[in-house]
């Protein structure tokens, strides 16, 4: 079992008309550090439904991966200067999207920066933030400019 954390994930999307949509998810999750990567596991309910979405976040060397399964299924990769394609599958259908990442940045706790995995417990640190700025594309056209910010707060025992 990993260390218990509280996650706050804020997504911002600005469409072509300039309208901004902000989403906020707060969930309890588990933190792991393994093979030079930070992992976060958490569950949430889909909008207006009791169906569960299981999510896994992996962060390593300014590369962020978000894999979601359950009511929604997708594998999103954020890597600066690269466009990764993904299928975003929902109960309402499938969207083929491109993720063109402009920046990915985050801070790892000091123990994660050493050569030894799990060299010190992460819960001694207040919080961590990972942020990605990207554009969503469809058929080569930008459909929205986006940002995702993941705040990780370690639970105190």
C-alpha atoms as a PDB file:
ATOM      1  CA  UNK A   1       0.000   0.000   0.000  1.00  0.00           C
ATOM      2  CA  UNK A   2       1.263   3.459  -0.924  1.00  0.00           C
ATOM      3  CA  UNK A   3       1.263   6.618   1.126  1.00  0.00           C
ATOM      4  CA  UNK A   4      -2.118   8.284   1.525  1.00  0.00           C
ATOM      5  CA  UNK A   5      -2.491  11.640  -0.221  1.00  0.00           C
ATOM      6  CA  UNK A   6      -5.205  14.158  -1.007  1.00  0.00           C
ATOM      7  CA  UNK A   7      -5.274  15.189  -4.661  1.00  0.00           C
ATOM      8  CA  UNK A   8      -6.764  18.305  -6.165  1.00  0.00           C
ATOM      9  CA  UNK A   9      -6.843  18.298  -9.947  1.00  0.00           C
ATOM     10  CA  UNK A  10      -7.816  21.521 -11.685  1.00  0.00           C
ATOM     11  CA  UNK A  11      -8.392  21.558 -15.419  1.00  0.00           C
ATOM     12  CA  UNK A  12      -8.787  24.733 -17.458  1.00  0.00           C
ATOM     13  CA  UNK A  13      -9.941  24.729 -21.074  1.00  0.00           C
ATOM     14  CA  UNK A  14     -10.276  27.803 -23.300  1.00  0.00           C
ATOM     15  CA  UNK A  15     -12.156  27.202 -26.529  1.00  0.00           C
ATOM     16  CA  UNK A  16     -11.862  29.099 -29.825  1.00  0.00           C
ATOM     17  CA  UNK A  17     -14.351  31.755 -28.706  1.00  0.00           C
ATOM     18  CA  UNK A  18     -12.334  32.482 -25.564  1.00  0.00           C
ATOM     19  CA  UNK A  19     -14.782  30.863 -23.151  1.00  0.00           C
ATOM     20  CA  UNK A  20     -13.000  29.245 -20.212  1.00  0.00           C
ATOM     21  CA  UNK A  21     -14.284  26.089 -18.528  1.00  0.00           C
ATOM     22  CA  UNK A  22     -12.752  25.097 -15.186  1.00  0.00           C
ATOM     23  CA  UNK A  23     -13.137  21.652 -13.622  1.00  0.00           C
ATOM     24  CA  UNK A  24     -12.009  20.668 -10.145  1.00  0.00           C
ATOM     25  CA  UNK A  25     -11.664  17.157  -8.752  1.00  0.00           C
ATOM     26  CA  UNK A  26     -10.684  16.357  -5.192  1.00  0.00           C
ATOM     27  CA  UNK A  27      -9.971  12.759  -4.227  1.00  0.00           C
ATOM     28  CA  UNK A  28      -8.048  10.652  -1.759  1.00  0.00           C
ATOM     29  CA  UNK A  29      -5.401   8.559  -3.387  1.00  0.00           C
ATOM     30  CA  UNK A  30      -2.183   6.650  -3.003  1.00  0.00           C
ATOM     31  CA  UNK A  31       1.326   7.861  -3.781  1.00  0.00           C
ATOM     32  CA  UNK A  32       4.184   5.591  -4.859  1.00  0.00           C
ATOM     33  CA  UNK A  33       7.708   6.284  -6.043  1.00  0.00           C
ATOM     34  CA  UNK A  34       9.190   3.449  -8.066  1.00  0.00           C
ATOM     35  CA  UNK A  35      11.762   3.137 -10.867  1.00  0.00           C
ATOM     36  CA  UNK A  36      12.440   6.895 -10.827  1.00  0.00           C
ATOM     37  CA  UNK A  37       8.751   7.725 -11.382  1.00  0.00           C
ATOM     38  CA  UNK A  38       6.039   9.186  -9.170  1.00  0.00           C
ATOM     39  CA  UNK A  39       2.714   7.291  -9.310  1.00  0.00           C
ATOM     40  CA  UNK A  40      -0.677   8.429  -8.057  1.00  0.00           C
ATOM     41  CA  UNK A  41      -3.730   6.163  -7.945  1.00  0.00           C
ATOM     42  CA  UNK A  42      -7.223   7.456  -7.234  1.00  0.00           C
ATOM     43  CA  UNK A  43     -10.916   6.852  -7.944  1.00  0.00           C
ATOM     44  CA  UNK A  44     -13.728   9.271  -8.705  1.00  0.00           C
ATOM     45  CA  UNK A  45     -17.350   9.205  -9.807  1.00  0.00           C
ATOM     46  CA  UNK A  46     -18.306  10.240 -13.325  1.00  0.00           C
ATOM     47  CA  UNK A  47     -20.384  13.413 -13.718  1.00  0.00           C
ATOM     48  CA  UNK A  48     -24.101  12.906 -13.024  1.00  0.00           C
ATOM     49  CA  UNK A  49     -23.522   9.180 -12.559  1.00  0.00           C
ATOM     50  CA  UNK A  50     -22.436   6.716  -9.924  1.00  0.00           C
ATOM     51  CA  UNK A  51     -20.063   4.964 -12.341  1.00  0.00           C
ATOM     52  CA  UNK A  52     -16.482   4.905 -11.081  1.00  0.00           C
ATOM     53  CA  UNK A  53     -13.418   6.135 -12.961  1.00  0.00           C
ATOM     54  CA  UNK A  54     -10.077   4.720 -11.850  1.00  0.00           C
ATOM     55  CA  UNK A  55      -7.088   6.919 -12.645  1.00  0.00           C
ATOM     56  CA  UNK A  56      -3.339   6.432 -12.606  1.00  0.00           C
ATOM     57  CA  UNK A  57      -0.908   9.314 -12.959  1.00  0.00           C
ATOM     58  CA  UNK A  58       2.751   8.725 -13.706  1.00  0.00           C
ATOM     59  CA  UNK A  59       5.294  11.565 -13.669  1.00  0.00           C
ATOM     60  CA  UNK A  60       8.952  11.265 -14.598  1.00  0.00           C
ATOM     61  CA  UNK A  61      11.442  13.718 -16.105  1.00  0.00           C
ATOM     62  CA  UNK A  62       8.816  16.219 -17.245  1.00  0.00           C
ATOM     63  CA  UNK A  63       6.652  13.543 -18.867  1.00  0.00           C
ATOM     64  CA  UNK A  64       3.155  13.135 -17.455  1.00  0.00           C
ATOM     65  CA  UNK A  65       0.837  10.221 -18.217  1.00  0.00           C
ATOM     66  CA  UNK A  66      -2.812  10.031 -17.191  1.00  0.00           C
ATOM     67  CA  UNK A  67      -4.578   6.708 -17.674  1.00  0.00           C
ATOM     68  CA  UNK A  68      -8.293   6.491 -16.897  1.00  0.00           C
ATOM     69  CA  UNK A  69     -10.448   3.361 -16.953  1.00  0.00           C
ATOM     70  CA  UNK A  70     -14.041   2.601 -16.056  1.00  0.00           C
ATOM     71  CA  UNK A  71     -16.830   4.989 -17.104  1.00  0.00           C
ATOM     72  CA  UNK A  72     -14.222   6.843 -19.193  1.00  0.00           C
ATOM     73  CA  UNK A  73     -11.264   5.223 -20.917  1.00  0.00           C
ATOM     74  CA  UNK A  74      -8.219   7.120 -22.162  1.00  0.00           C
ATOM     75  CA  UNK A  75      -4.444   7.240 -22.033  1.00  0.00           C
ATOM     76  CA  UNK A  76      -3.139  10.792 -22.218  1.00  0.00           C
ATOM     77  CA  UNK A  77       0.565  11.592 -22.555  1.00  0.00           C
ATOM     78  CA  UNK A  78       1.931  15.085 -21.953  1.00  0.00           C
ATOM     79  CA  UNK A  79       5.482  15.537 -23.216  1.00  0.00           C
ATOM     80  CA  UNK A  80       6.831  19.003 -24.014  1.00  0.00           C
ATOM     81  CA  UNK A  81       7.061  19.785 -27.737  1.00  0.00           C
ATOM     82  CA  UNK A  82       5.382  16.562 -28.823  1.00  0.00           C
ATOM     83  CA  UNK A  83       1.874  15.661 -29.938  1.00  0.00           C
ATOM     84  CA  UNK A  84       0.469  12.361 -28.729  1.00  0.00           C
ATOM     85  CA  UNK A  85      -2.789  10.953 -30.071  1.00  0.00           C
ATOM     86  CA  UNK A  86      -5.402   9.377 -27.819  1.00  0.00           C
ATOM     87  CA  UNK A  87      -8.880   7.937 -28.008  1.00  0.00           C
ATOM     88  CA  UNK A  88     -11.161   9.444 -25.367  1.00  0.00           C
ATOM     89  CA  UNK A  89     -13.879   6.829 -24.898  1.00  0.00           C
ATOM     90  CA  UNK A  90     -17.072   7.717 -22.988  1.00  0.00           C
ATOM     91  CA  UNK A  91     -20.502   6.080 -22.785  1.00  0.00           C
ATOM     92  CA  UNK A  92     -21.566   8.664 -25.405  1.00  0.00           C
ATOM     93  CA  UNK A  93     -18.907   7.786 -27.974  1.00  0.00           C
ATOM     94  CA  UNK A  94     -15.234   7.993 -28.848  1.00  0.00           C
ATOM     95  CA  UNK A  95     -13.221  11.103 -29.695  1.00  0.00           C
ATOM     96  CA  UNK A  96      -9.821  10.902 -31.392  1.00  0.00           C
ATOM     97  CA  UNK A  97      -7.754  13.746 -29.932  1.00  0.00           C
ATOM     98  CA  UNK A  98      -4.222  15.049 -30.198  1.00  0.00           C
ATOM     99  CA  UNK A  99      -2.436  16.407 -27.146  1.00  0.00           C
ATOM    100  CA  UNK A 100       0.182  18.976 -28.173  1.00  0.00           C
ATOM    101  CA  UNK A 101       2.105  19.784 -24.988  1.00  0.00           C
ATOM    102  CA  UNK A 102       3.717  23.195 -24.539  1.00  0.00           C
ATOM    103  CA  UNK A 103       5.161  22.655 -21.058  1.00  0.00           C
ATOM    104  CA  UNK A 104       5.251  20.092 -18.255  1.00  0.00           C
ATOM    105  CA  UNK A 105       6.763  20.906 -14.921  1.00  0.00           C
ATOM    106  CA  UNK A 106       6.653  19.507 -11.463  1.00  0.00           C
ATOM    107  CA  UNK A 107       8.579  19.121  -8.289  1.00  0.00           C
ATOM    108  CA  UNK A 108       9.479  15.741  -6.906  1.00  0.00           C
ATOM    109  CA  UNK A 109      10.201  15.334  -3.200  1.00  0.00           C
ATOM    110  CA  UNK A 110      13.912  15.293  -2.326  1.00  0.00           C
ATOM    111  CA  UNK A 111      13.956  11.517  -1.777  1.00  0.00           C
ATOM    112  CA  UNK A 112      12.834  11.025  -5.392  1.00  0.00           C
ATOM    113  CA  UNK A 113      15.801  12.963  -6.700  1.00  0.00           C
ATOM    114  CA  UNK A 114      18.301  10.551  -5.179  1.00  0.00           C
ATOM    115  CA  UNK A 115      19.510   7.448  -6.963  1.00  0.00           C
ATOM    116  CA  UNK A 116      17.664   5.161  -4.536  1.00  0.00           C
ATOM    117  CA  UNK A 117      13.922   4.638  -4.802  1.00  0.00           C
ATOM    118  CA  UNK A 118      11.995   5.093  -1.569  1.00  0.00           C
ATOM    119  CA  UNK A 119      15.085   6.524   0.141  1.00  0.00           C
ATOM    120  CA  UNK A 120      12.952   8.550   2.588  1.00  0.00           C
ATOM    121  CA  UNK A 121       9.248   8.729   3.307  1.00  0.00           C
ATOM    122  CA  UNK A 122       7.547  11.351   1.147  1.00  0.00           C
ATOM    123  CA  UNK A 123       5.001  12.185   3.825  1.00  0.00           C
ATOM    124  CA  UNK A 124       7.569  14.437   5.498  1.00  0.00           C
ATOM    125  CA  UNK A 125       6.914  16.972   2.738  1.00  0.00           C
ATOM    126  CA  UNK A 126       3.982  19.350   2.615  1.00  0.00           C
ATOM    127  CA  UNK A 127       2.843  19.032  -0.994  1.00  0.00           C
ATOM    128  CA  UNK A 128       3.856  18.655  -4.610  1.00  0.00           C
ATOM    129  CA  UNK A 129       2.473  20.281  -7.750  1.00  0.00           C
ATOM    130  CA  UNK A 130       2.607  19.020 -11.332  1.00  0.00           C
ATOM    131  CA  UNK A 131       1.378  21.252 -14.153  1.00  0.00           C
ATOM    132  CA  UNK A 132       0.987  20.748 -17.913  1.00  0.00           C
ATOM    133  CA  UNK A 133      -0.011  23.329 -20.524  1.00  0.00           C
ATOM    134  CA  UNK A 134      -1.248  21.882 -23.795  1.00  0.00           C
ATOM    135  CA  UNK A 135      -3.571  22.207 -26.774  1.00  0.00           C
ATOM    136  CA  UNK A 136      -6.224  19.652 -27.694  1.00  0.00           C
ATOM    137  CA  UNK A 137      -6.408  19.026 -31.408  1.00  0.00           C
ATOM    138  CA  UNK A 138      -8.826  17.171 -33.661  1.00  0.00           C
ATOM    139  CA  UNK A 139      -7.961  16.453 -37.281  1.00  0.00           C
ATOM    140  CA  UNK A 140      -4.973  18.799 -37.047  1.00  0.00           C
ATOM    141  CA  UNK A 141      -6.984  21.781 -35.745  1.00  0.00           C
ATOM    142  CA  UNK A 142      -6.698  23.209 -32.231  1.00  0.00           C
ATOM    143  CA  UNK A 143     -10.026  22.900 -30.436  1.00  0.00           C
ATOM    144  CA  UNK A 144      -8.962  24.253 -27.035  1.00  0.00           C
ATOM    145  CA  UNK A 145      -5.975  25.491 -25.070  1.00  0.00           C
ATOM    146  CA  UNK A 146      -5.727  23.708 -21.748  1.00  0.00           C
ATOM    147  CA  UNK A 147      -3.907  23.422 -18.464  1.00  0.00           C
ATOM    148  CA  UNK A 148      -3.976  20.685 -15.854  1.00  0.00           C
ATOM    149  CA  UNK A 149      -2.647  21.256 -12.346  1.00  0.00           C
ATOM    150  CA  UNK A 150      -2.262  18.361  -9.920  1.00  0.00           C
ATOM    151  CA  UNK A 151      -1.731  19.249  -6.278  1.00  0.00           C
ATOM    152  CA  UNK A 152      -0.598  16.435  -3.973  1.00  0.00           C
ATOM    153  CA  UNK A 153      -0.924  16.858  -0.208  1.00  0.00           C
ATOM    154  CA  UNK A 154       0.483  14.105   2.012  1.00  0.00           C
ATOM    155  CA  UNK A 155      -1.803  12.904   4.806  1.00  0.00           C
ATOM    156  CA  UNK A 156      -0.349  13.249   8.297  1.00  0.00           C
ATOM    157  CA  UNK A 157      -0.754  10.383  10.744  1.00  0.00           C
END
